Amino acid sequence: MASSTLLRMAADCIFCRIAAGTIPSTKVFEDERVLAFRDLHPVAPTHVLVIPKEHIASTAHAVETHEALLGHLLLVAAKVAEQEGLAKGFRVVTNTGADGGQTVDHLHLHVLGGRSMTWPPG
């Protein structure tokens, strides 16, 4: 990871620590910009989190310079879904803020699948 990225990590953020490798995770995908790993408390048969290695608190904190990274997160979510055998369908969710259900202040996508999803979700 580039030193400039390391400077944009939050020391108290659990996802930053997972991205840095100081907290173990069950990785399913990793490149220089993102990490995908299995959720410890899955709500579907397949539940993978896709996070940027750079600390961005939430979708609301993304700025124009994050545009390529945000697109990359979605492409990785689709790649993970394919890798996990979710050809029948899957859901990609990001929660923003307390009222949106966000519990970790680090932007992340949930890739959910392996069962039929209902609507509305909340």
PDB file of N, CA and C in Angstrom:
ATOM      1  N   MET A   1       0.854  -1.175   0.000  1.00  0.00           N
ATOM      2  CA  MET A   1       0.000   0.000   0.000  1.00  0.00           C
ATOM      3  C   MET A   1       0.892   1.227   0.000  1.00  0.00           C
ATOM      4  N   ALA A   2       0.571   2.197  -0.816  1.00  0.00           N
ATOM      5  CA  ALA A   2       1.375   3.406  -0.930  1.00  0.00           C
ATOM      6  C   ALA A   2       1.342   4.189   0.371  1.00  0.00           C
ATOM      7  N   SER A   3       2.441   4.886   0.683  1.00  0.00           N
ATOM      8  CA  SER A   3       2.494   5.652   1.929  1.00  0.00           C
ATOM      9  C   SER A   3       1.427   6.736   1.969  1.00  0.00           C
ATOM     10  N   SER A   4       1.049   7.312   0.821  1.00  0.00           N
ATOM     11  CA  SER A   4       0.002   8.327   0.821  1.00  0.00           C
ATOM     12  C   SER A   4      -1.330   7.736   1.256  1.00  0.00           C
ATOM     13  N   THR A   5      -1.572   6.468   0.908  1.00  0.00           N
ATOM     14  CA  THR A   5      -2.792   5.809   1.352  1.00  0.00           C
ATOM     15  C   THR A   5      -2.729   5.551   2.850  1.00  0.00           C
ATOM     16  N   LEU A   6      -1.570   5.153   3.341  1.00  0.00           N
ATOM     17  CA  LEU A   6      -1.424   4.909   4.768  1.00  0.00           C
ATOM     18  C   LEU A   6      -1.758   6.154   5.570  1.00  0.00           C
ATOM     19  N   LEU A   7      -1.433   7.329   5.045  1.00  0.00           N
ATOM     20  CA  LEU A   7      -1.729   8.567   5.750  1.00  0.00           C
ATOM     21  C   LEU A   7      -3.224   8.824   5.830  1.00  0.00           C
ATOM     22  N   ARG A   8      -4.005   8.202   4.962  1.00  0.00           N
ATOM     23  CA  ARG A   8      -5.449   8.419   4.942  1.00  0.00           C
ATOM     24  C   ARG A   8      -6.199   7.288   5.625  1.00  0.00           C
ATOM     25  N   MET A   9      -5.541   6.592   6.530  1.00  0.00           N
ATOM     26  CA  MET A   9      -6.192   5.541   7.301  1.00  0.00           C
ATOM     27  C   MET A   9      -6.476   6.078   8.691  1.00  0.00           C
ATOM     28  N   ALA A  10      -7.580   5.660   9.252  1.00  0.00           N
ATOM     29  CA  ALA A  10      -7.940   6.070  10.600  1.00  0.00           C
ATOM     30  C   ALA A  10      -7.496   4.974  11.568  1.00  0.00           C
ATOM     31  N   ALA A  11      -6.652   5.319  12.519  1.00  0.00           N
ATOM     32  CA  ALA A  11      -6.079   4.340  13.435  1.00  0.00           C
ATOM     33  C   ALA A  11      -7.135   3.601  14.246  1.00  0.00           C
ATOM     34  N   ASP A  12      -8.243   4.258  14.543  1.00  0.00           N
ATOM     35  CA  ASP A  12      -9.279   3.627  15.366  1.00  0.00           C
ATOM     36  C   ASP A  12     -10.358   2.936  14.542  1.00  0.00           C
ATOM     37  N   CYS A  13     -10.192   2.854  13.229  1.00  0.00           N
ATOM     38  CA  CYS A  13     -11.196   2.264  12.340  1.00  0.00           C
ATOM     39  C   CYS A  13     -10.899   0.774  12.146  1.00  0.00           C
ATOM     40  N   ILE A  14     -11.864  -0.063  12.497  1.00  0.00           N
ATOM     41  CA  ILE A  14     -11.669  -1.506  12.372  1.00  0.00           C
ATOM     42  C   ILE A  14     -11.439  -1.922  10.921  1.00  0.00           C
ATOM     43  N   PHE A  15     -12.129  -1.283   9.960  1.00  0.00           N
ATOM     44  CA  PHE A  15     -11.936  -1.662   8.562  1.00  0.00           C
ATOM     45  C   PHE A  15     -10.567  -1.218   8.044  1.00  0.00           C
ATOM     46  N   CYS A  16     -10.055  -0.091   8.518  1.00  0.00           N
ATOM     47  CA  CYS A  16      -8.693   0.314   8.156  1.00  0.00           C
ATOM     48  C   CYS A  16      -7.687  -0.706   8.684  1.00  0.00           C
ATOM     49  N   ARG A  17      -7.935  -1.207   9.871  1.00  0.00           N
ATOM     50  CA  ARG A  17      -7.035  -2.196  10.465  1.00  0.00           C
ATOM     51  C   ARG A  17      -7.129  -3.536   9.729  1.00  0.00           C
ATOM     52  N   ILE A  18      -8.323  -3.897   9.278  1.00  0.00           N
ATOM     53  CA  ILE A  18      -8.470  -5.108   8.460  1.00  0.00           C
ATOM     54  C   ILE A  18      -7.734  -4.926   7.133  1.00  0.00           C
ATOM     55  N   ALA A  19      -7.897  -3.758   6.513  1.00  0.00           N
ATOM     56  CA  ALA A  19      -7.219  -3.481   5.233  1.00  0.00           C
ATOM     57  C   ALA A  19      -5.707  -3.511   5.394  1.00  0.00           C
ATOM     58  N   ALA A  20      -5.210  -3.058   6.538  1.00  0.00           N
ATOM     59  CA  ALA A  20      -3.771  -3.040   6.797  1.00  0.00           C
ATOM     60  C   ALA A  20      -3.240  -4.420   7.186  1.00  0.00           C
ATOM     61  N   GLY A  21      -4.140  -5.354   7.464  1.00  0.00           N
ATOM     62  CA  GLY A  21      -3.718  -6.700   7.829  1.00  0.00           C
ATOM     63  C   GLY A  21      -3.457  -6.905   9.308  1.00  0.00           C
ATOM     64  N   THR A  22      -3.756  -5.914  10.139  1.00  0.00           N
ATOM     65  CA  THR A  22      -3.515  -6.069  11.577  1.00  0.00           C
ATOM     66  C   THR A  22      -4.660  -6.791  12.278  1.00  0.00           C
ATOM     67  N   ILE A  23      -5.811  -6.886  11.628  1.00  0.00           N
ATOM     68  CA  ILE A  23      -6.927  -7.706  12.099  1.00  0.00           C
ATOM     69  C   ILE A  23      -7.204  -8.706  10.985  1.00  0.00           C
ATOM     70  N   PRO A  24      -7.259  -9.993  11.306  1.00  0.00           N
ATOM     71  CA  PRO A  24      -7.477 -10.993  10.250  1.00  0.00           C
ATOM     72  C   PRO A  24      -8.896 -10.948   9.683  1.00  0.00           C
ATOM     73  N   SER A  25      -9.005 -11.371   8.444  1.00  0.00           N
ATOM     74  CA  SER A  25     -10.295 -11.489   7.783  1.00  0.00           C
ATOM     75  C   SER A  25     -10.229 -12.653   6.812  1.00  0.00           C
ATOM     76  N   THR A  26     -11.393 -13.091   6.373  1.00  0.00           N
ATOM     77  CA  THR A  26     -11.457 -14.127   5.353  1.00  0.00           C
ATOM     78  C   THR A  26     -11.610 -13.421   4.011  1.00  0.00           C
ATOM     79  N   LYS A  27     -10.467 -13.189   3.369  1.00  0.00           N
ATOM     80  CA  LYS A  27     -10.440 -12.436   2.115  1.00  0.00           C
ATOM     81  C   LYS A  27     -11.009 -13.267   0.974  1.00  0.00           C
ATOM     82  N   VAL A  28     -11.769 -12.581   0.108  1.00  0.00           N
ATOM     83  CA  VAL A  28     -12.237 -13.219  -1.124  1.00  0.00           C
ATOM     84  C   VAL A  28     -11.707 -12.488  -2.355  1.00  0.00           C
ATOM     85  N   PHE A  29     -11.216 -11.264  -2.166  1.00  0.00           N
ATOM     86  CA  PHE A  29     -10.629 -10.499  -3.270  1.00  0.00           C
ATOM     87  C   PHE A  29      -9.791  -9.380  -2.671  1.00  0.00           C
ATOM     88  N   GLU A  30      -8.679  -9.063  -3.346  1.00  0.00           N
ATOM     89  CA  GLU A  30      -7.871  -7.918  -2.926  1.00  0.00           C
ATOM     90  C   GLU A  30      -7.071  -7.417  -4.113  1.00  0.00           C
ATOM     91  N   ASP A  31      -6.997  -6.109  -4.225  1.00  0.00           N
ATOM     92  CA  ASP A  31      -6.072  -5.477  -5.147  1.00  0.00           C
ATOM     93  C   ASP A  31      -5.470  -4.271  -4.431  1.00  0.00           C
ATOM     94  N   GLU A  32      -4.826  -3.390  -5.166  1.00  0.00           N
ATOM     95  CA  GLU A  32      -4.139  -2.261  -4.520  1.00  0.00           C
ATOM     96  C   GLU A  32      -5.098  -1.228  -3.935  1.00  0.00           C
ATOM     97  N   ARG A  33      -6.357  -1.219  -4.370  1.00  0.00           N
ATOM     98  CA  ARG A  33      -7.309  -0.198  -3.913  1.00  0.00           C
ATOM     99  C   ARG A  33      -8.417  -0.693  -2.998  1.00  0.00           C
ATOM    100  N   VAL A  34      -8.776  -1.969  -3.111  1.00  0.00           N
ATOM    101  CA  VAL A  34      -9.911  -2.478  -2.339  1.00  0.00           C
ATOM    102  C   VAL A  34      -9.628  -3.849  -1.750  1.00  0.00           C
ATOM    103  N   LEU A  35     -10.443  -4.188  -0.763  1.00  0.00           N
ATOM    104  CA  LEU A  35     -10.395  -5.496  -0.130  1.00  0.00           C
ATOM    105  C   LEU A  35     -11.827  -5.994   0.015  1.00  0.00           C
ATOM    106  N   ALA A  36     -12.055  -7.256  -0.284  1.00  0.00           N
ATOM    107  CA  ALA A  36     -13.363  -7.884  -0.082  1.00  0.00           C
ATOM    108  C   ALA A  36     -13.165  -9.064   0.854  1.00  0.00           C
ATOM    109  N   PHE A  37     -14.024  -9.145   1.867  1.00  0.00           N
ATOM    110  CA  PHE A  37     -13.895 -10.217   2.861  1.00  0.00           C
ATOM    111  C   PHE A  37     -15.276 -10.603   3.378  1.00  0.00           C
ATOM    112  N   ARG A  38     -15.371 -11.796   3.939  1.00  0.00           N
ATOM    113  CA  ARG A  38     -16.642 -12.303   4.442  1.00  0.00           C
ATOM    114  C   ARG A  38     -17.050 -11.563   5.716  1.00  0.00           C
ATOM    115  N   ASP A  39     -18.346 -11.223   5.787  1.00  0.00           N
ATOM    116  CA  ASP A  39     -18.893 -10.561   6.963  1.00  0.00           C
ATOM    117  C   ASP A  39     -18.931 -11.558   8.123  1.00  0.00           C
ATOM    118  N   LEU A  40     -18.543 -11.102   9.315  1.00  0.00           N
ATOM    119  CA  LEU A  40     -18.556 -11.965  10.501  1.00  0.00           C
ATOM    120  C   LEU A  40     -19.968 -12.313  10.957  1.00  0.00           C
ATOM    121  N   HIS A  41     -20.938 -11.483  10.601  1.00  0.00           N
ATOM    122  CA  HIS A  41     -22.332 -11.700  11.001  1.00  0.00           C
ATOM    123  C   HIS A  41     -23.216 -11.648   9.753  1.00  0.00           C
ATOM    124  N   PRO A  42     -23.141 -12.703   8.909  1.00  0.00           N
ATOM    125  CA  PRO A  42     -23.860 -12.671   7.633  1.00  0.00           C
ATOM    126  C   PRO A  42     -25.370 -12.647   7.813  1.00  0.00           C
ATOM    127  N   VAL A  43     -26.038 -11.917   6.926  1.00  0.00           N
ATOM    128  CA  VAL A  43     -27.497 -11.863   6.905  1.00  0.00           C
ATOM    129  C   VAL A  43     -28.057 -12.580   5.678  1.00  0.00           C
ATOM    130  N   ALA A  44     -27.189 -13.217   4.922  1.00  0.00           N
ATOM    131  CA  ALA A  44     -27.570 -14.002   3.749  1.00  0.00           C
ATOM    132  C   ALA A  44     -26.531 -15.117   3.608  1.00  0.00           C
ATOM    133  N   PRO A  45     -26.852 -16.176   2.868  1.00  0.00           N
ATOM    134  CA  PRO A  45     -25.869 -17.253   2.691  1.00  0.00           C
ATOM    135  C   PRO A  45     -24.520 -16.751   2.171  1.00  0.00           C
ATOM    136  N   THR A  46     -24.545 -15.770   1.283  1.00  0.00           N
ATOM    137  CA  THR A  46     -23.316 -15.094   0.860  1.00  0.00           C
ATOM    138  C   THR A  46     -23.415 -13.656   1.331  1.00  0.00           C
ATOM    139  N   HIS A  47     -22.429 -13.225   2.119  1.00  0.00           N
ATOM    140  CA  HIS A  47     -22.393 -11.843   2.613  1.00  0.00           C
ATOM    141  C   HIS A  47     -20.930 -11.426   2.667  1.00  0.00           C
ATOM    142  N   VAL A  48     -20.550 -10.652   1.672  1.00  0.00           N
ATOM    143  CA  VAL A  48     -19.163 -10.183   1.534  1.00  0.00           C
ATOM    144  C   VAL A  48     -19.157  -8.668   1.612  1.00  0.00           C
ATOM    145  N   LEU A  49     -18.182  -8.121   2.326  1.00  0.00           N
ATOM    146  CA  LEU A  49     -18.001  -6.674   2.403  1.00  0.00           C
ATOM    147  C   LEU A  49     -16.896  -6.275   1.443  1.00  0.00           C
ATOM    148  N   VAL A  50     -17.114  -5.209   0.697  1.00  0.00           N
ATOM    149  CA  VAL A  50     -16.106  -4.658  -0.212  1.00  0.00           C
ATOM    150  C   VAL A  50     -15.780  -3.258   0.309  1.00  0.00           C
ATOM    151  N   ILE A  51     -14.517  -3.044   0.675  1.00  0.00           N
ATOM    152  CA  ILE A  51     -14.114  -1.769   1.268  1.00  0.00           C
ATOM    153  C   ILE A  51     -12.967  -1.139   0.487  1.00  0.00           C
ATOM    154  N   PRO A  52     -12.929   0.189   0.434  1.00  0.00           N
ATOM    155  CA  PRO A  52     -11.729   0.835  -0.100  1.00  0.00           C
ATOM    156  C   PRO A  52     -10.640   0.762   0.960  1.00  0.00           C
ATOM    157  N   LYS A  53      -9.406   0.630   0.547  1.00  0.00           N
ATOM    158  CA  LYS A  53      -8.307   0.630   1.510  1.00  0.00           C
ATOM    159  C   LYS A  53      -8.075   2.028   2.066  1.00  0.00           C
ATOM    160  N   GLU A  54      -8.443   3.021   1.301  1.00  0.00           N
ATOM    161  CA  GLU A  54      -8.383   4.399   1.771  1.00  0.00           C
ATOM    162  C   GLU A  54      -9.569   4.643   2.689  1.00  0.00           C
ATOM    163  N   HIS A  55      -9.348   5.317   3.793  1.00  0.00           N
ATOM    164  CA  HIS A  55     -10.454   5.608   4.710  1.00  0.00           C
ATOM    165  C   HIS A  55     -11.339   6.717   4.144  1.00  0.00           C
ATOM    166  N   ILE A  56     -12.590   6.353   3.888  1.00  0.00           N
ATOM    167  CA  ILE A  56     -13.663   7.285   3.533  1.00  0.00           C
ATOM    168  C   ILE A  56     -14.778   6.922   4.499  1.00  0.00           C
ATOM    169  N   ALA A  57     -15.230   7.851   5.300  1.00  0.00           N
ATOM    170  CA  ALA A  57     -16.162   7.530   6.380  1.00  0.00           C
ATOM    171  C   ALA A  57     -17.483   6.954   5.878  1.00  0.00           C
ATOM    172  N   SER A  58     -18.007   7.460   4.779  1.00  0.00           N
ATOM    173  CA  SER A  58     -19.286   6.971   4.252  1.00  0.00           C
ATOM    174  C   SER A  58     -19.459   7.491   2.829  1.00  0.00           C
ATOM    175  N   THR A  59     -20.542   7.076   2.200  1.00  0.00           N
ATOM    176  CA  THR A  59     -20.866   7.592   0.871  1.00  0.00           C
ATOM    177  C   THR A  59     -20.981   9.109   0.899  1.00  0.00           C
ATOM    178  N   ALA A  60     -21.513   9.647   1.987  1.00  0.00           N
ATOM    179  CA  ALA A  60     -21.685  11.098   2.115  1.00  0.00           C
ATOM    180  C   ALA A  60     -20.358  11.841   2.188  1.00  0.00           C
ATOM    181  N   HIS A  61     -19.280  11.140   2.492  1.00  0.00           N
ATOM    182  CA  HIS A  61     -17.965  11.762   2.602  1.00  0.00           C
ATOM    183  C   HIS A  61     -17.132  11.623   1.325  1.00  0.00           C
ATOM    184  N   ALA A  62     -17.670  10.938   0.328  1.00  0.00           N
ATOM    185  CA  ALA A  62     -16.946  10.790  -0.933  1.00  0.00           C
ATOM    186  C   ALA A  62     -16.948  12.120  -1.679  1.00  0.00           C
ATOM    187  N   VAL A  63     -15.852  12.392  -2.348  1.00  0.00           N
ATOM    188  CA  VAL A  63     -15.703  13.625  -3.124  1.00  0.00           C
ATOM    189  C   VAL A  63     -15.327  13.253  -4.559  1.00  0.00           C
ATOM    190  N   GLU A  64     -15.260  14.258  -5.429  1.00  0.00           N
ATOM    191  CA  GLU A  64     -14.992  14.002  -6.844  1.00  0.00           C
ATOM    192  C   GLU A  64     -13.716  13.216  -7.082  1.00  0.00           C
ATOM    193  N   THR A  65     -12.709  13.404  -6.256  1.00  0.00           N
ATOM    194  CA  THR A  65     -11.459  12.662  -6.454  1.00  0.00           C
ATOM    195  C   THR A  65     -11.630  11.172  -6.172  1.00  0.00           C
ATOM    196  N   HIS A  66     -12.747  10.775  -5.571  1.00  0.00           N
ATOM    197  CA  HIS A  66     -13.018   9.363  -5.297  1.00  0.00           C
ATOM    198  C   HIS A  66     -13.806   8.688  -6.424  1.00  0.00           C
ATOM    199  N   GLU A  67     -14.123   9.434  -7.481  1.00  0.00           N
ATOM    200  CA  GLU A  67     -14.999   8.918  -8.531  1.00  0.00           C
ATOM    201  C   GLU A  67     -14.523   7.579  -9.091  1.00  0.00           C
ATOM    202  N   ALA A  68     -13.278   7.454  -9.462  1.00  0.00           N
ATOM    203  CA  ALA A  68     -12.763   6.200 -10.030  1.00  0.00           C
ATOM    204  C   ALA A  68     -12.796   5.082  -8.990  1.00  0.00           C
ATOM    205  N   LEU A  69     -12.481   5.393  -7.757  1.00  0.00           N
ATOM    206  CA  LEU A  69     -12.502   4.389  -6.695  1.00  0.00           C
ATOM    207  C   LEU A  69     -13.924   3.875  -6.452  1.00  0.00           C
ATOM    208  N   LEU A  70     -14.902   4.770  -6.462  1.00  0.00           N
ATOM    209  CA  LEU A  70     -16.288   4.359  -6.258  1.00  0.00           C
ATOM    210  C   LEU A  70     -16.750   3.418  -7.373  1.00  0.00           C
ATOM    211  N   GLY A  71     -16.398   3.732  -8.603  1.00  0.00           N
ATOM    212  CA  GLY A  71     -16.721   2.837  -9.712  1.00  0.00           C
ATOM    213  C   GLY A  71     -16.024   1.496  -9.568  1.00  0.00           C
ATOM    214  N   HIS A  72     -14.785   1.531  -9.124  1.00  0.00           N
ATOM    215  CA  HIS A  72     -14.021   0.298  -8.930  1.00  0.00           C
ATOM    216  C   HIS A  72     -14.674  -0.577  -7.856  1.00  0.00           C
ATOM    217  N   LEU A  73     -15.182   0.049  -6.792  1.00  0.00           N
ATOM    218  CA  LEU A  73     -15.872  -0.716  -5.744  1.00  0.00           C
ATOM    219  C   LEU A  73     -17.037  -1.501  -6.332  1.00  0.00           C
ATOM    220  N   LEU A  74     -17.831  -0.865  -7.200  1.00  0.00           N
ATOM    221  CA  LEU A  74     -18.965  -1.558  -7.818  1.00  0.00           C
ATOM    222  C   LEU A  74     -18.515  -2.670  -8.759  1.00  0.00           C
ATOM    223  N   LEU A  75     -17.463  -2.425  -9.514  1.00  0.00           N
ATOM    224  CA  LEU A  75     -16.943  -3.475 -10.394  1.00  0.00           C
ATOM    225  C   LEU A  75     -16.445  -4.668  -9.593  1.00  0.00           C
ATOM    226  N   VAL A  76     -15.782  -4.407  -8.478  1.00  0.00           N
ATOM    227  CA  VAL A  76     -15.306  -5.494  -7.620  1.00  0.00           C
ATOM    228  C   VAL A  76     -16.493  -6.224  -7.003  1.00  0.00           C
ATOM    229  N   ALA A  77     -17.537  -5.509  -6.611  1.00  0.00           N
ATOM    230  CA  ALA A  77     -18.731  -6.166  -6.070  1.00  0.00           C
ATOM    231  C   ALA A  77     -19.301  -7.148  -7.091  1.00  0.00           C
ATOM    232  N   ALA A  78     -19.373  -6.743  -8.355  1.00  0.00           N
ATOM    233  CA  ALA A  78     -19.873  -7.633  -9.414  1.00  0.00           C
ATOM    234  C   ALA A  78     -18.937  -8.823  -9.612  1.00  0.00           C
ATOM    235  N   LYS A  79     -17.632  -8.580  -9.544  1.00  0.00           N
ATOM    236  CA  LYS A  79     -16.651  -9.661  -9.688  1.00  0.00           C
ATOM    237  C   LYS A  79     -16.785 -10.660  -8.539  1.00  0.00           C
ATOM    238  N   VAL A  80     -16.960 -10.152  -7.338  1.00  0.00           N
ATOM    239  CA  VAL A  80     -17.131 -11.018  -6.172  1.00  0.00           C
ATOM    240  C   VAL A  80     -18.403 -11.849  -6.321  1.00  0.00           C
ATOM    241  N   ALA A  81     -19.493 -11.220  -6.768  1.00  0.00           N
ATOM    242  CA  ALA A  81     -20.749 -11.943  -6.957  1.00  0.00           C
ATOM    243  C   ALA A  81     -20.572 -13.078  -7.958  1.00  0.00           C
ATOM    244  N   GLU A  82     -19.880 -12.809  -9.044  1.00  0.00           N
ATOM    245  CA  GLU A  82     -19.620 -13.856 -10.038  1.00  0.00           C
ATOM    246  C   GLU A  82     -18.770 -14.968  -9.434  1.00  0.00           C
ATOM    247  N   GLN A  83     -17.724 -14.574  -8.737  1.00  0.00           N
ATOM    248  CA  GLN A  83     -16.806 -15.526  -8.093  1.00  0.00           C
ATOM    249  C   GLN A  83     -17.550 -16.401  -7.073  1.00  0.00           C
ATOM    250  N   GLU A  84     -18.550 -15.821  -6.410  1.00  0.00           N
ATOM    251  CA  GLU A  84     -19.312 -16.537  -5.389  1.00  0.00           C
ATOM    252  C   GLU A  84     -20.476 -17.342  -5.954  1.00  0.00           C
ATOM    253  N   GLY A  85     -20.650 -17.316  -7.289  1.00  0.00           N
ATOM    254  CA  GLY A  85     -21.683 -18.114  -7.929  1.00  0.00           C
ATOM    255  C   GLY A  85     -23.088 -17.550  -7.785  1.00  0.00           C
ATOM    256  N   LEU A  86     -23.204 -16.239  -7.782  1.00  0.00           N
ATOM    257  CA  LEU A  86     -24.501 -15.593  -7.588  1.00  0.00           C
ATOM    258  C   LEU A  86     -25.154 -15.208  -8.913  1.00  0.00           C
ATOM    259  N   ALA A  87     -25.097 -16.104  -9.891  1.00  0.00           N
ATOM    260  CA  ALA A  87     -25.632 -15.820 -11.227  1.00  0.00           C
ATOM    261  C   ALA A  87     -27.136 -15.560 -11.233  1.00  0.00           C
ATOM    262  N   LYS A  88     -27.870 -16.108 -10.250  1.00  0.00           N
ATOM    263  CA  LYS A  88     -29.326 -15.901 -10.199  1.00  0.00           C
ATOM    264  C   LYS A  88     -29.683 -14.509  -9.684  1.00  0.00           C
ATOM    265  N   GLY A  89     -28.725 -13.823  -9.106  1.00  0.00           N
ATOM    266  CA  GLY A  89     -28.965 -12.471  -8.625  1.00  0.00           C
ATOM    267  C   GLY A  89     -28.309 -12.209  -7.287  1.00  0.00           C
ATOM    268  N   PHE A  90     -28.118 -10.940  -7.009  1.00  0.00           N
ATOM    269  CA  PHE A  90     -27.506 -10.521  -5.759  1.00  0.00           C
ATOM    270  C   PHE A  90     -27.894  -9.091  -5.483  1.00  0.00           C
ATOM    271  N   ARG A  91     -27.618  -8.637  -4.293  1.00  0.00           N
ATOM    272  CA  ARG A  91     -27.901  -7.263  -3.898  1.00  0.00           C
ATOM    273  C   ARG A  91     -26.601  -6.621  -3.437  1.00  0.00           C
ATOM    274  N   VAL A  92     -26.411  -5.354  -3.818  1.00  0.00           N
ATOM    275  CA  VAL A  92     -25.293  -4.547  -3.335  1.00  0.00           C
ATOM    276  C   VAL A  92     -25.894  -3.403  -2.529  1.00  0.00           C
ATOM    277  N   VAL A  93     -25.468  -3.283  -1.276  1.00  0.00           N
ATOM    278  CA  VAL A  93     -26.032  -2.292  -0.365  1.00  0.00           C
ATOM    279  C   VAL A  93     -24.903  -1.493   0.270  1.00  0.00           C
ATOM    280  N   THR A  94     -25.117  -0.192   0.406  1.00  0.00           N
ATOM    281  CA  THR A  94     -24.248   0.624   1.245  1.00  0.00           C
ATOM    282  C   THR A  94     -25.147   1.436   2.165  1.00  0.00           C
ATOM    283  N   ASN A  95     -24.845   1.392   3.447  1.00  0.00           N
ATOM    284  CA  ASN A  95     -25.591   2.148   4.449  1.00  0.00           C
ATOM    285  C   ASN A  95     -24.818   3.424   4.747  1.00  0.00           C
ATOM    286  N   THR A  96     -25.525   4.525   4.912  1.00  0.00           N
ATOM    287  CA  THR A  96     -24.873   5.810   5.153  1.00  0.00           C
ATOM    288  C   THR A  96     -25.492   6.472   6.374  1.00  0.00           C
ATOM    289  N   GLY A  97     -24.666   6.708   7.382  1.00  0.00           N
ATOM    290  CA  GLY A  97     -25.109   7.375   8.597  1.00  0.00           C
ATOM    291  C   GLY A  97     -25.918   6.466   9.506  1.00  0.00           C
ATOM    292  N   ALA A  98     -26.117   6.933  10.723  1.00  0.00           N
ATOM    293  CA  ALA A  98     -26.815   6.138  11.733  1.00  0.00           C
ATOM    294  C   ALA A  98     -28.231   5.769  11.293  1.00  0.00           C
ATOM    295  N   ASP A  99     -28.988   6.724  10.762  1.00  0.00           N
ATOM    296  CA  ASP A  99     -30.355   6.427  10.326  1.00  0.00           C
ATOM    297  C   ASP A  99     -30.384   5.510   9.110  1.00  0.00           C
ATOM    298  N   GLY A 100     -29.298   5.461   8.363  1.00  0.00           N
ATOM    299  CA  GLY A 100     -29.198   4.563   7.218  1.00  0.00           C
ATOM    300  C   GLY A 100     -28.731   3.172   7.597  1.00  0.00           C
ATOM    301  N   GLY A 101     -28.416   2.963   8.879  1.00  0.00           N
ATOM    302  CA  GLY A 101     -27.997   1.644   9.348  1.00  0.00           C
ATOM    303  C   GLY A 101     -26.500   1.414   9.337  1.00  0.00           C
ATOM    304  N   GLN A 102     -25.704   2.459   9.098  1.00  0.00           N
ATOM    305  CA  GLN A 102     -24.249   2.291   9.072  1.00  0.00           C
ATOM    306  C   GLN A 102     -23.737   2.113  10.491  1.00  0.00           C
ATOM    307  N   THR A 103     -22.989   1.020  10.723  1.00  0.00           N
ATOM    308  CA  THR A 103     -22.451   0.744  12.057  1.00  0.00           C
ATOM    309  C   THR A 103     -20.936   0.871  12.125  1.00  0.00           C
ATOM    310  N   VAL A 104     -20.262   0.870  10.986  1.00  0.00           N
ATOM    311  CA  VAL A 104     -18.821   1.091  10.930  1.00  0.00           C
ATOM    312  C   VAL A 104     -18.589   2.307  10.048  1.00  0.00           C
ATOM    313  N   ASP A 105     -17.929   3.319  10.588  1.00  0.00           N
ATOM    314  CA  ASP A 105     -17.709   4.569   9.855  1.00  0.00           C
ATOM    315  C   ASP A 105     -16.548   4.444   8.875  1.00  0.00           C
ATOM    316  N   HIS A 106     -16.731   3.578   7.902  1.00  0.00           N
ATOM    317  CA  HIS A 106     -15.802   3.368   6.796  1.00  0.00           C
ATOM    318  C   HIS A 106     -16.681   2.884   5.643  1.00  0.00           C
ATOM    319  N   LEU A 107     -16.667   3.595   4.538  1.00  0.00           N
ATOM    320  CA  LEU A 107     -17.477   3.223   3.380  1.00  0.00           C
ATOM    321  C   LEU A 107     -17.290   1.744   3.076  1.00  0.00           C
ATOM    322  N   HIS A 108     -18.390   1.038   2.907  1.00  0.00           N
ATOM    323  CA  HIS A 108     -18.318  -0.367   2.518  1.00  0.00           C
ATOM    324  C   HIS A 108     -19.590  -0.779   1.803  1.00  0.00           C
ATOM    325  N   LEU A 109     -19.421  -1.726   0.876  1.00  0.00           N
ATOM    326  CA  LEU A 109     -20.538  -2.311   0.150  1.00  0.00           C
ATOM    327  C   LEU A 109     -20.779  -3.712   0.681  1.00  0.00           C
ATOM    328  N   HIS A 110     -22.038  -4.045   0.891  1.00  0.00           N
ATOM    329  CA  HIS A 110     -22.432  -5.411   1.241  1.00  0.00           C
ATOM    330  C   HIS A 110     -22.842  -6.099  -0.049  1.00  0.00           C
ATOM    331  N   VAL A 111     -22.255  -7.225  -0.352  1.00  0.00           N
ATOM    332  CA  VAL A 111     -22.679  -8.062  -1.468  1.00  0.00           C
ATOM    333  C   VAL A 111     -23.437  -9.229  -0.841  1.00  0.00           C
ATOM    334  N   LEU A 112     -24.742  -9.275  -1.112  1.00  0.00           N
ATOM    335  CA  LEU A 112     -25.626 -10.260  -0.482  1.00  0.00           C
ATOM    336  C   LEU A 112     -26.236 -11.150  -1.542  1.00  0.00           C
ATOM    337  N   GLY A 113     -26.271 -12.439  -1.280  1.00  0.00           N
ATOM    338  CA  GLY A 113     -26.886 -13.356  -2.231  1.00  0.00           C
ATOM    339  C   GLY A 113     -27.017 -14.747  -1.661  1.00  0.00           C
ATOM    340  N   GLY A 114     -27.404 -15.664  -2.546  1.00  0.00           N
ATOM    341  CA  GLY A 114     -27.579 -17.046  -2.137  1.00  0.00           C
ATOM    342  C   GLY A 114     -28.995 -17.364  -1.688  1.00  0.00           C
ATOM    343  N   ARG A 115     -29.873 -16.379  -1.746  1.00  0.00           N
ATOM    344  CA  ARG A 115     -31.292 -16.558  -1.453  1.00  0.00           C
ATOM    345  C   ARG A 115     -32.044 -15.448  -2.163  1.00  0.00           C
ATOM    346  N   SER A 116     -33.342 -15.586  -2.251  1.00  0.00           N
ATOM    347  CA  SER A 116     -34.166 -14.545  -2.852  1.00  0.00           C
ATOM    348  C   SER A 116     -34.238 -13.356  -1.890  1.00  0.00           C
ATOM    349  N   MET A 117     -34.052 -12.175  -2.405  1.00  0.00           N
ATOM    350  CA  MET A 117     -34.105 -10.955  -1.605  1.00  0.00           C
ATOM    351  C   MET A 117     -35.524 -10.389  -1.623  1.00  0.00           C
ATOM    352  N   THR A 118     -35.937  -9.801  -0.519  1.00  0.00           N
ATOM    353  CA  THR A 118     -37.265  -9.208  -0.450  1.00  0.00           C
ATOM    354  C   THR A 118     -37.164  -7.692  -0.590  1.00  0.00           C
ATOM    355  N   TRP A 119     -38.305  -7.068  -0.883  1.00  0.00           N
ATOM    356  CA  TRP A 119     -38.357  -5.606  -1.001  1.00  0.00           C
ATOM    357  C   TRP A 119     -39.659  -5.127  -0.385  1.00  0.00           C
ATOM    358  N   PRO A 120     -39.694  -4.088   0.376  1.00  0.00           N
ATOM    359  CA  PRO A 120     -38.540  -3.272   0.734  1.00  0.00           C
ATOM    360  C   PRO A 120     -37.664  -3.950   1.774  1.00  0.00           C
ATOM    361  N   PRO A 121     -36.376  -3.583   1.787  1.00  0.00           N
ATOM    362  CA  PRO A 121     -35.435  -4.276   2.666  1.00  0.00           C
ATOM    363  C   PRO A 121     -35.563  -3.892   4.143  1.00  0.00           C
ATOM    364  N   GLY A 122     -36.038  -2.698   4.466  1.00  0.00           N
ATOM    365  CA  GLY A 122     -36.045  -2.254   5.863  1.00  0.00           C
ATOM    366  C   GLY A 122     -37.402  -2.125   6.363  1.00  0.00           C
TER     367      GLY A 122
END
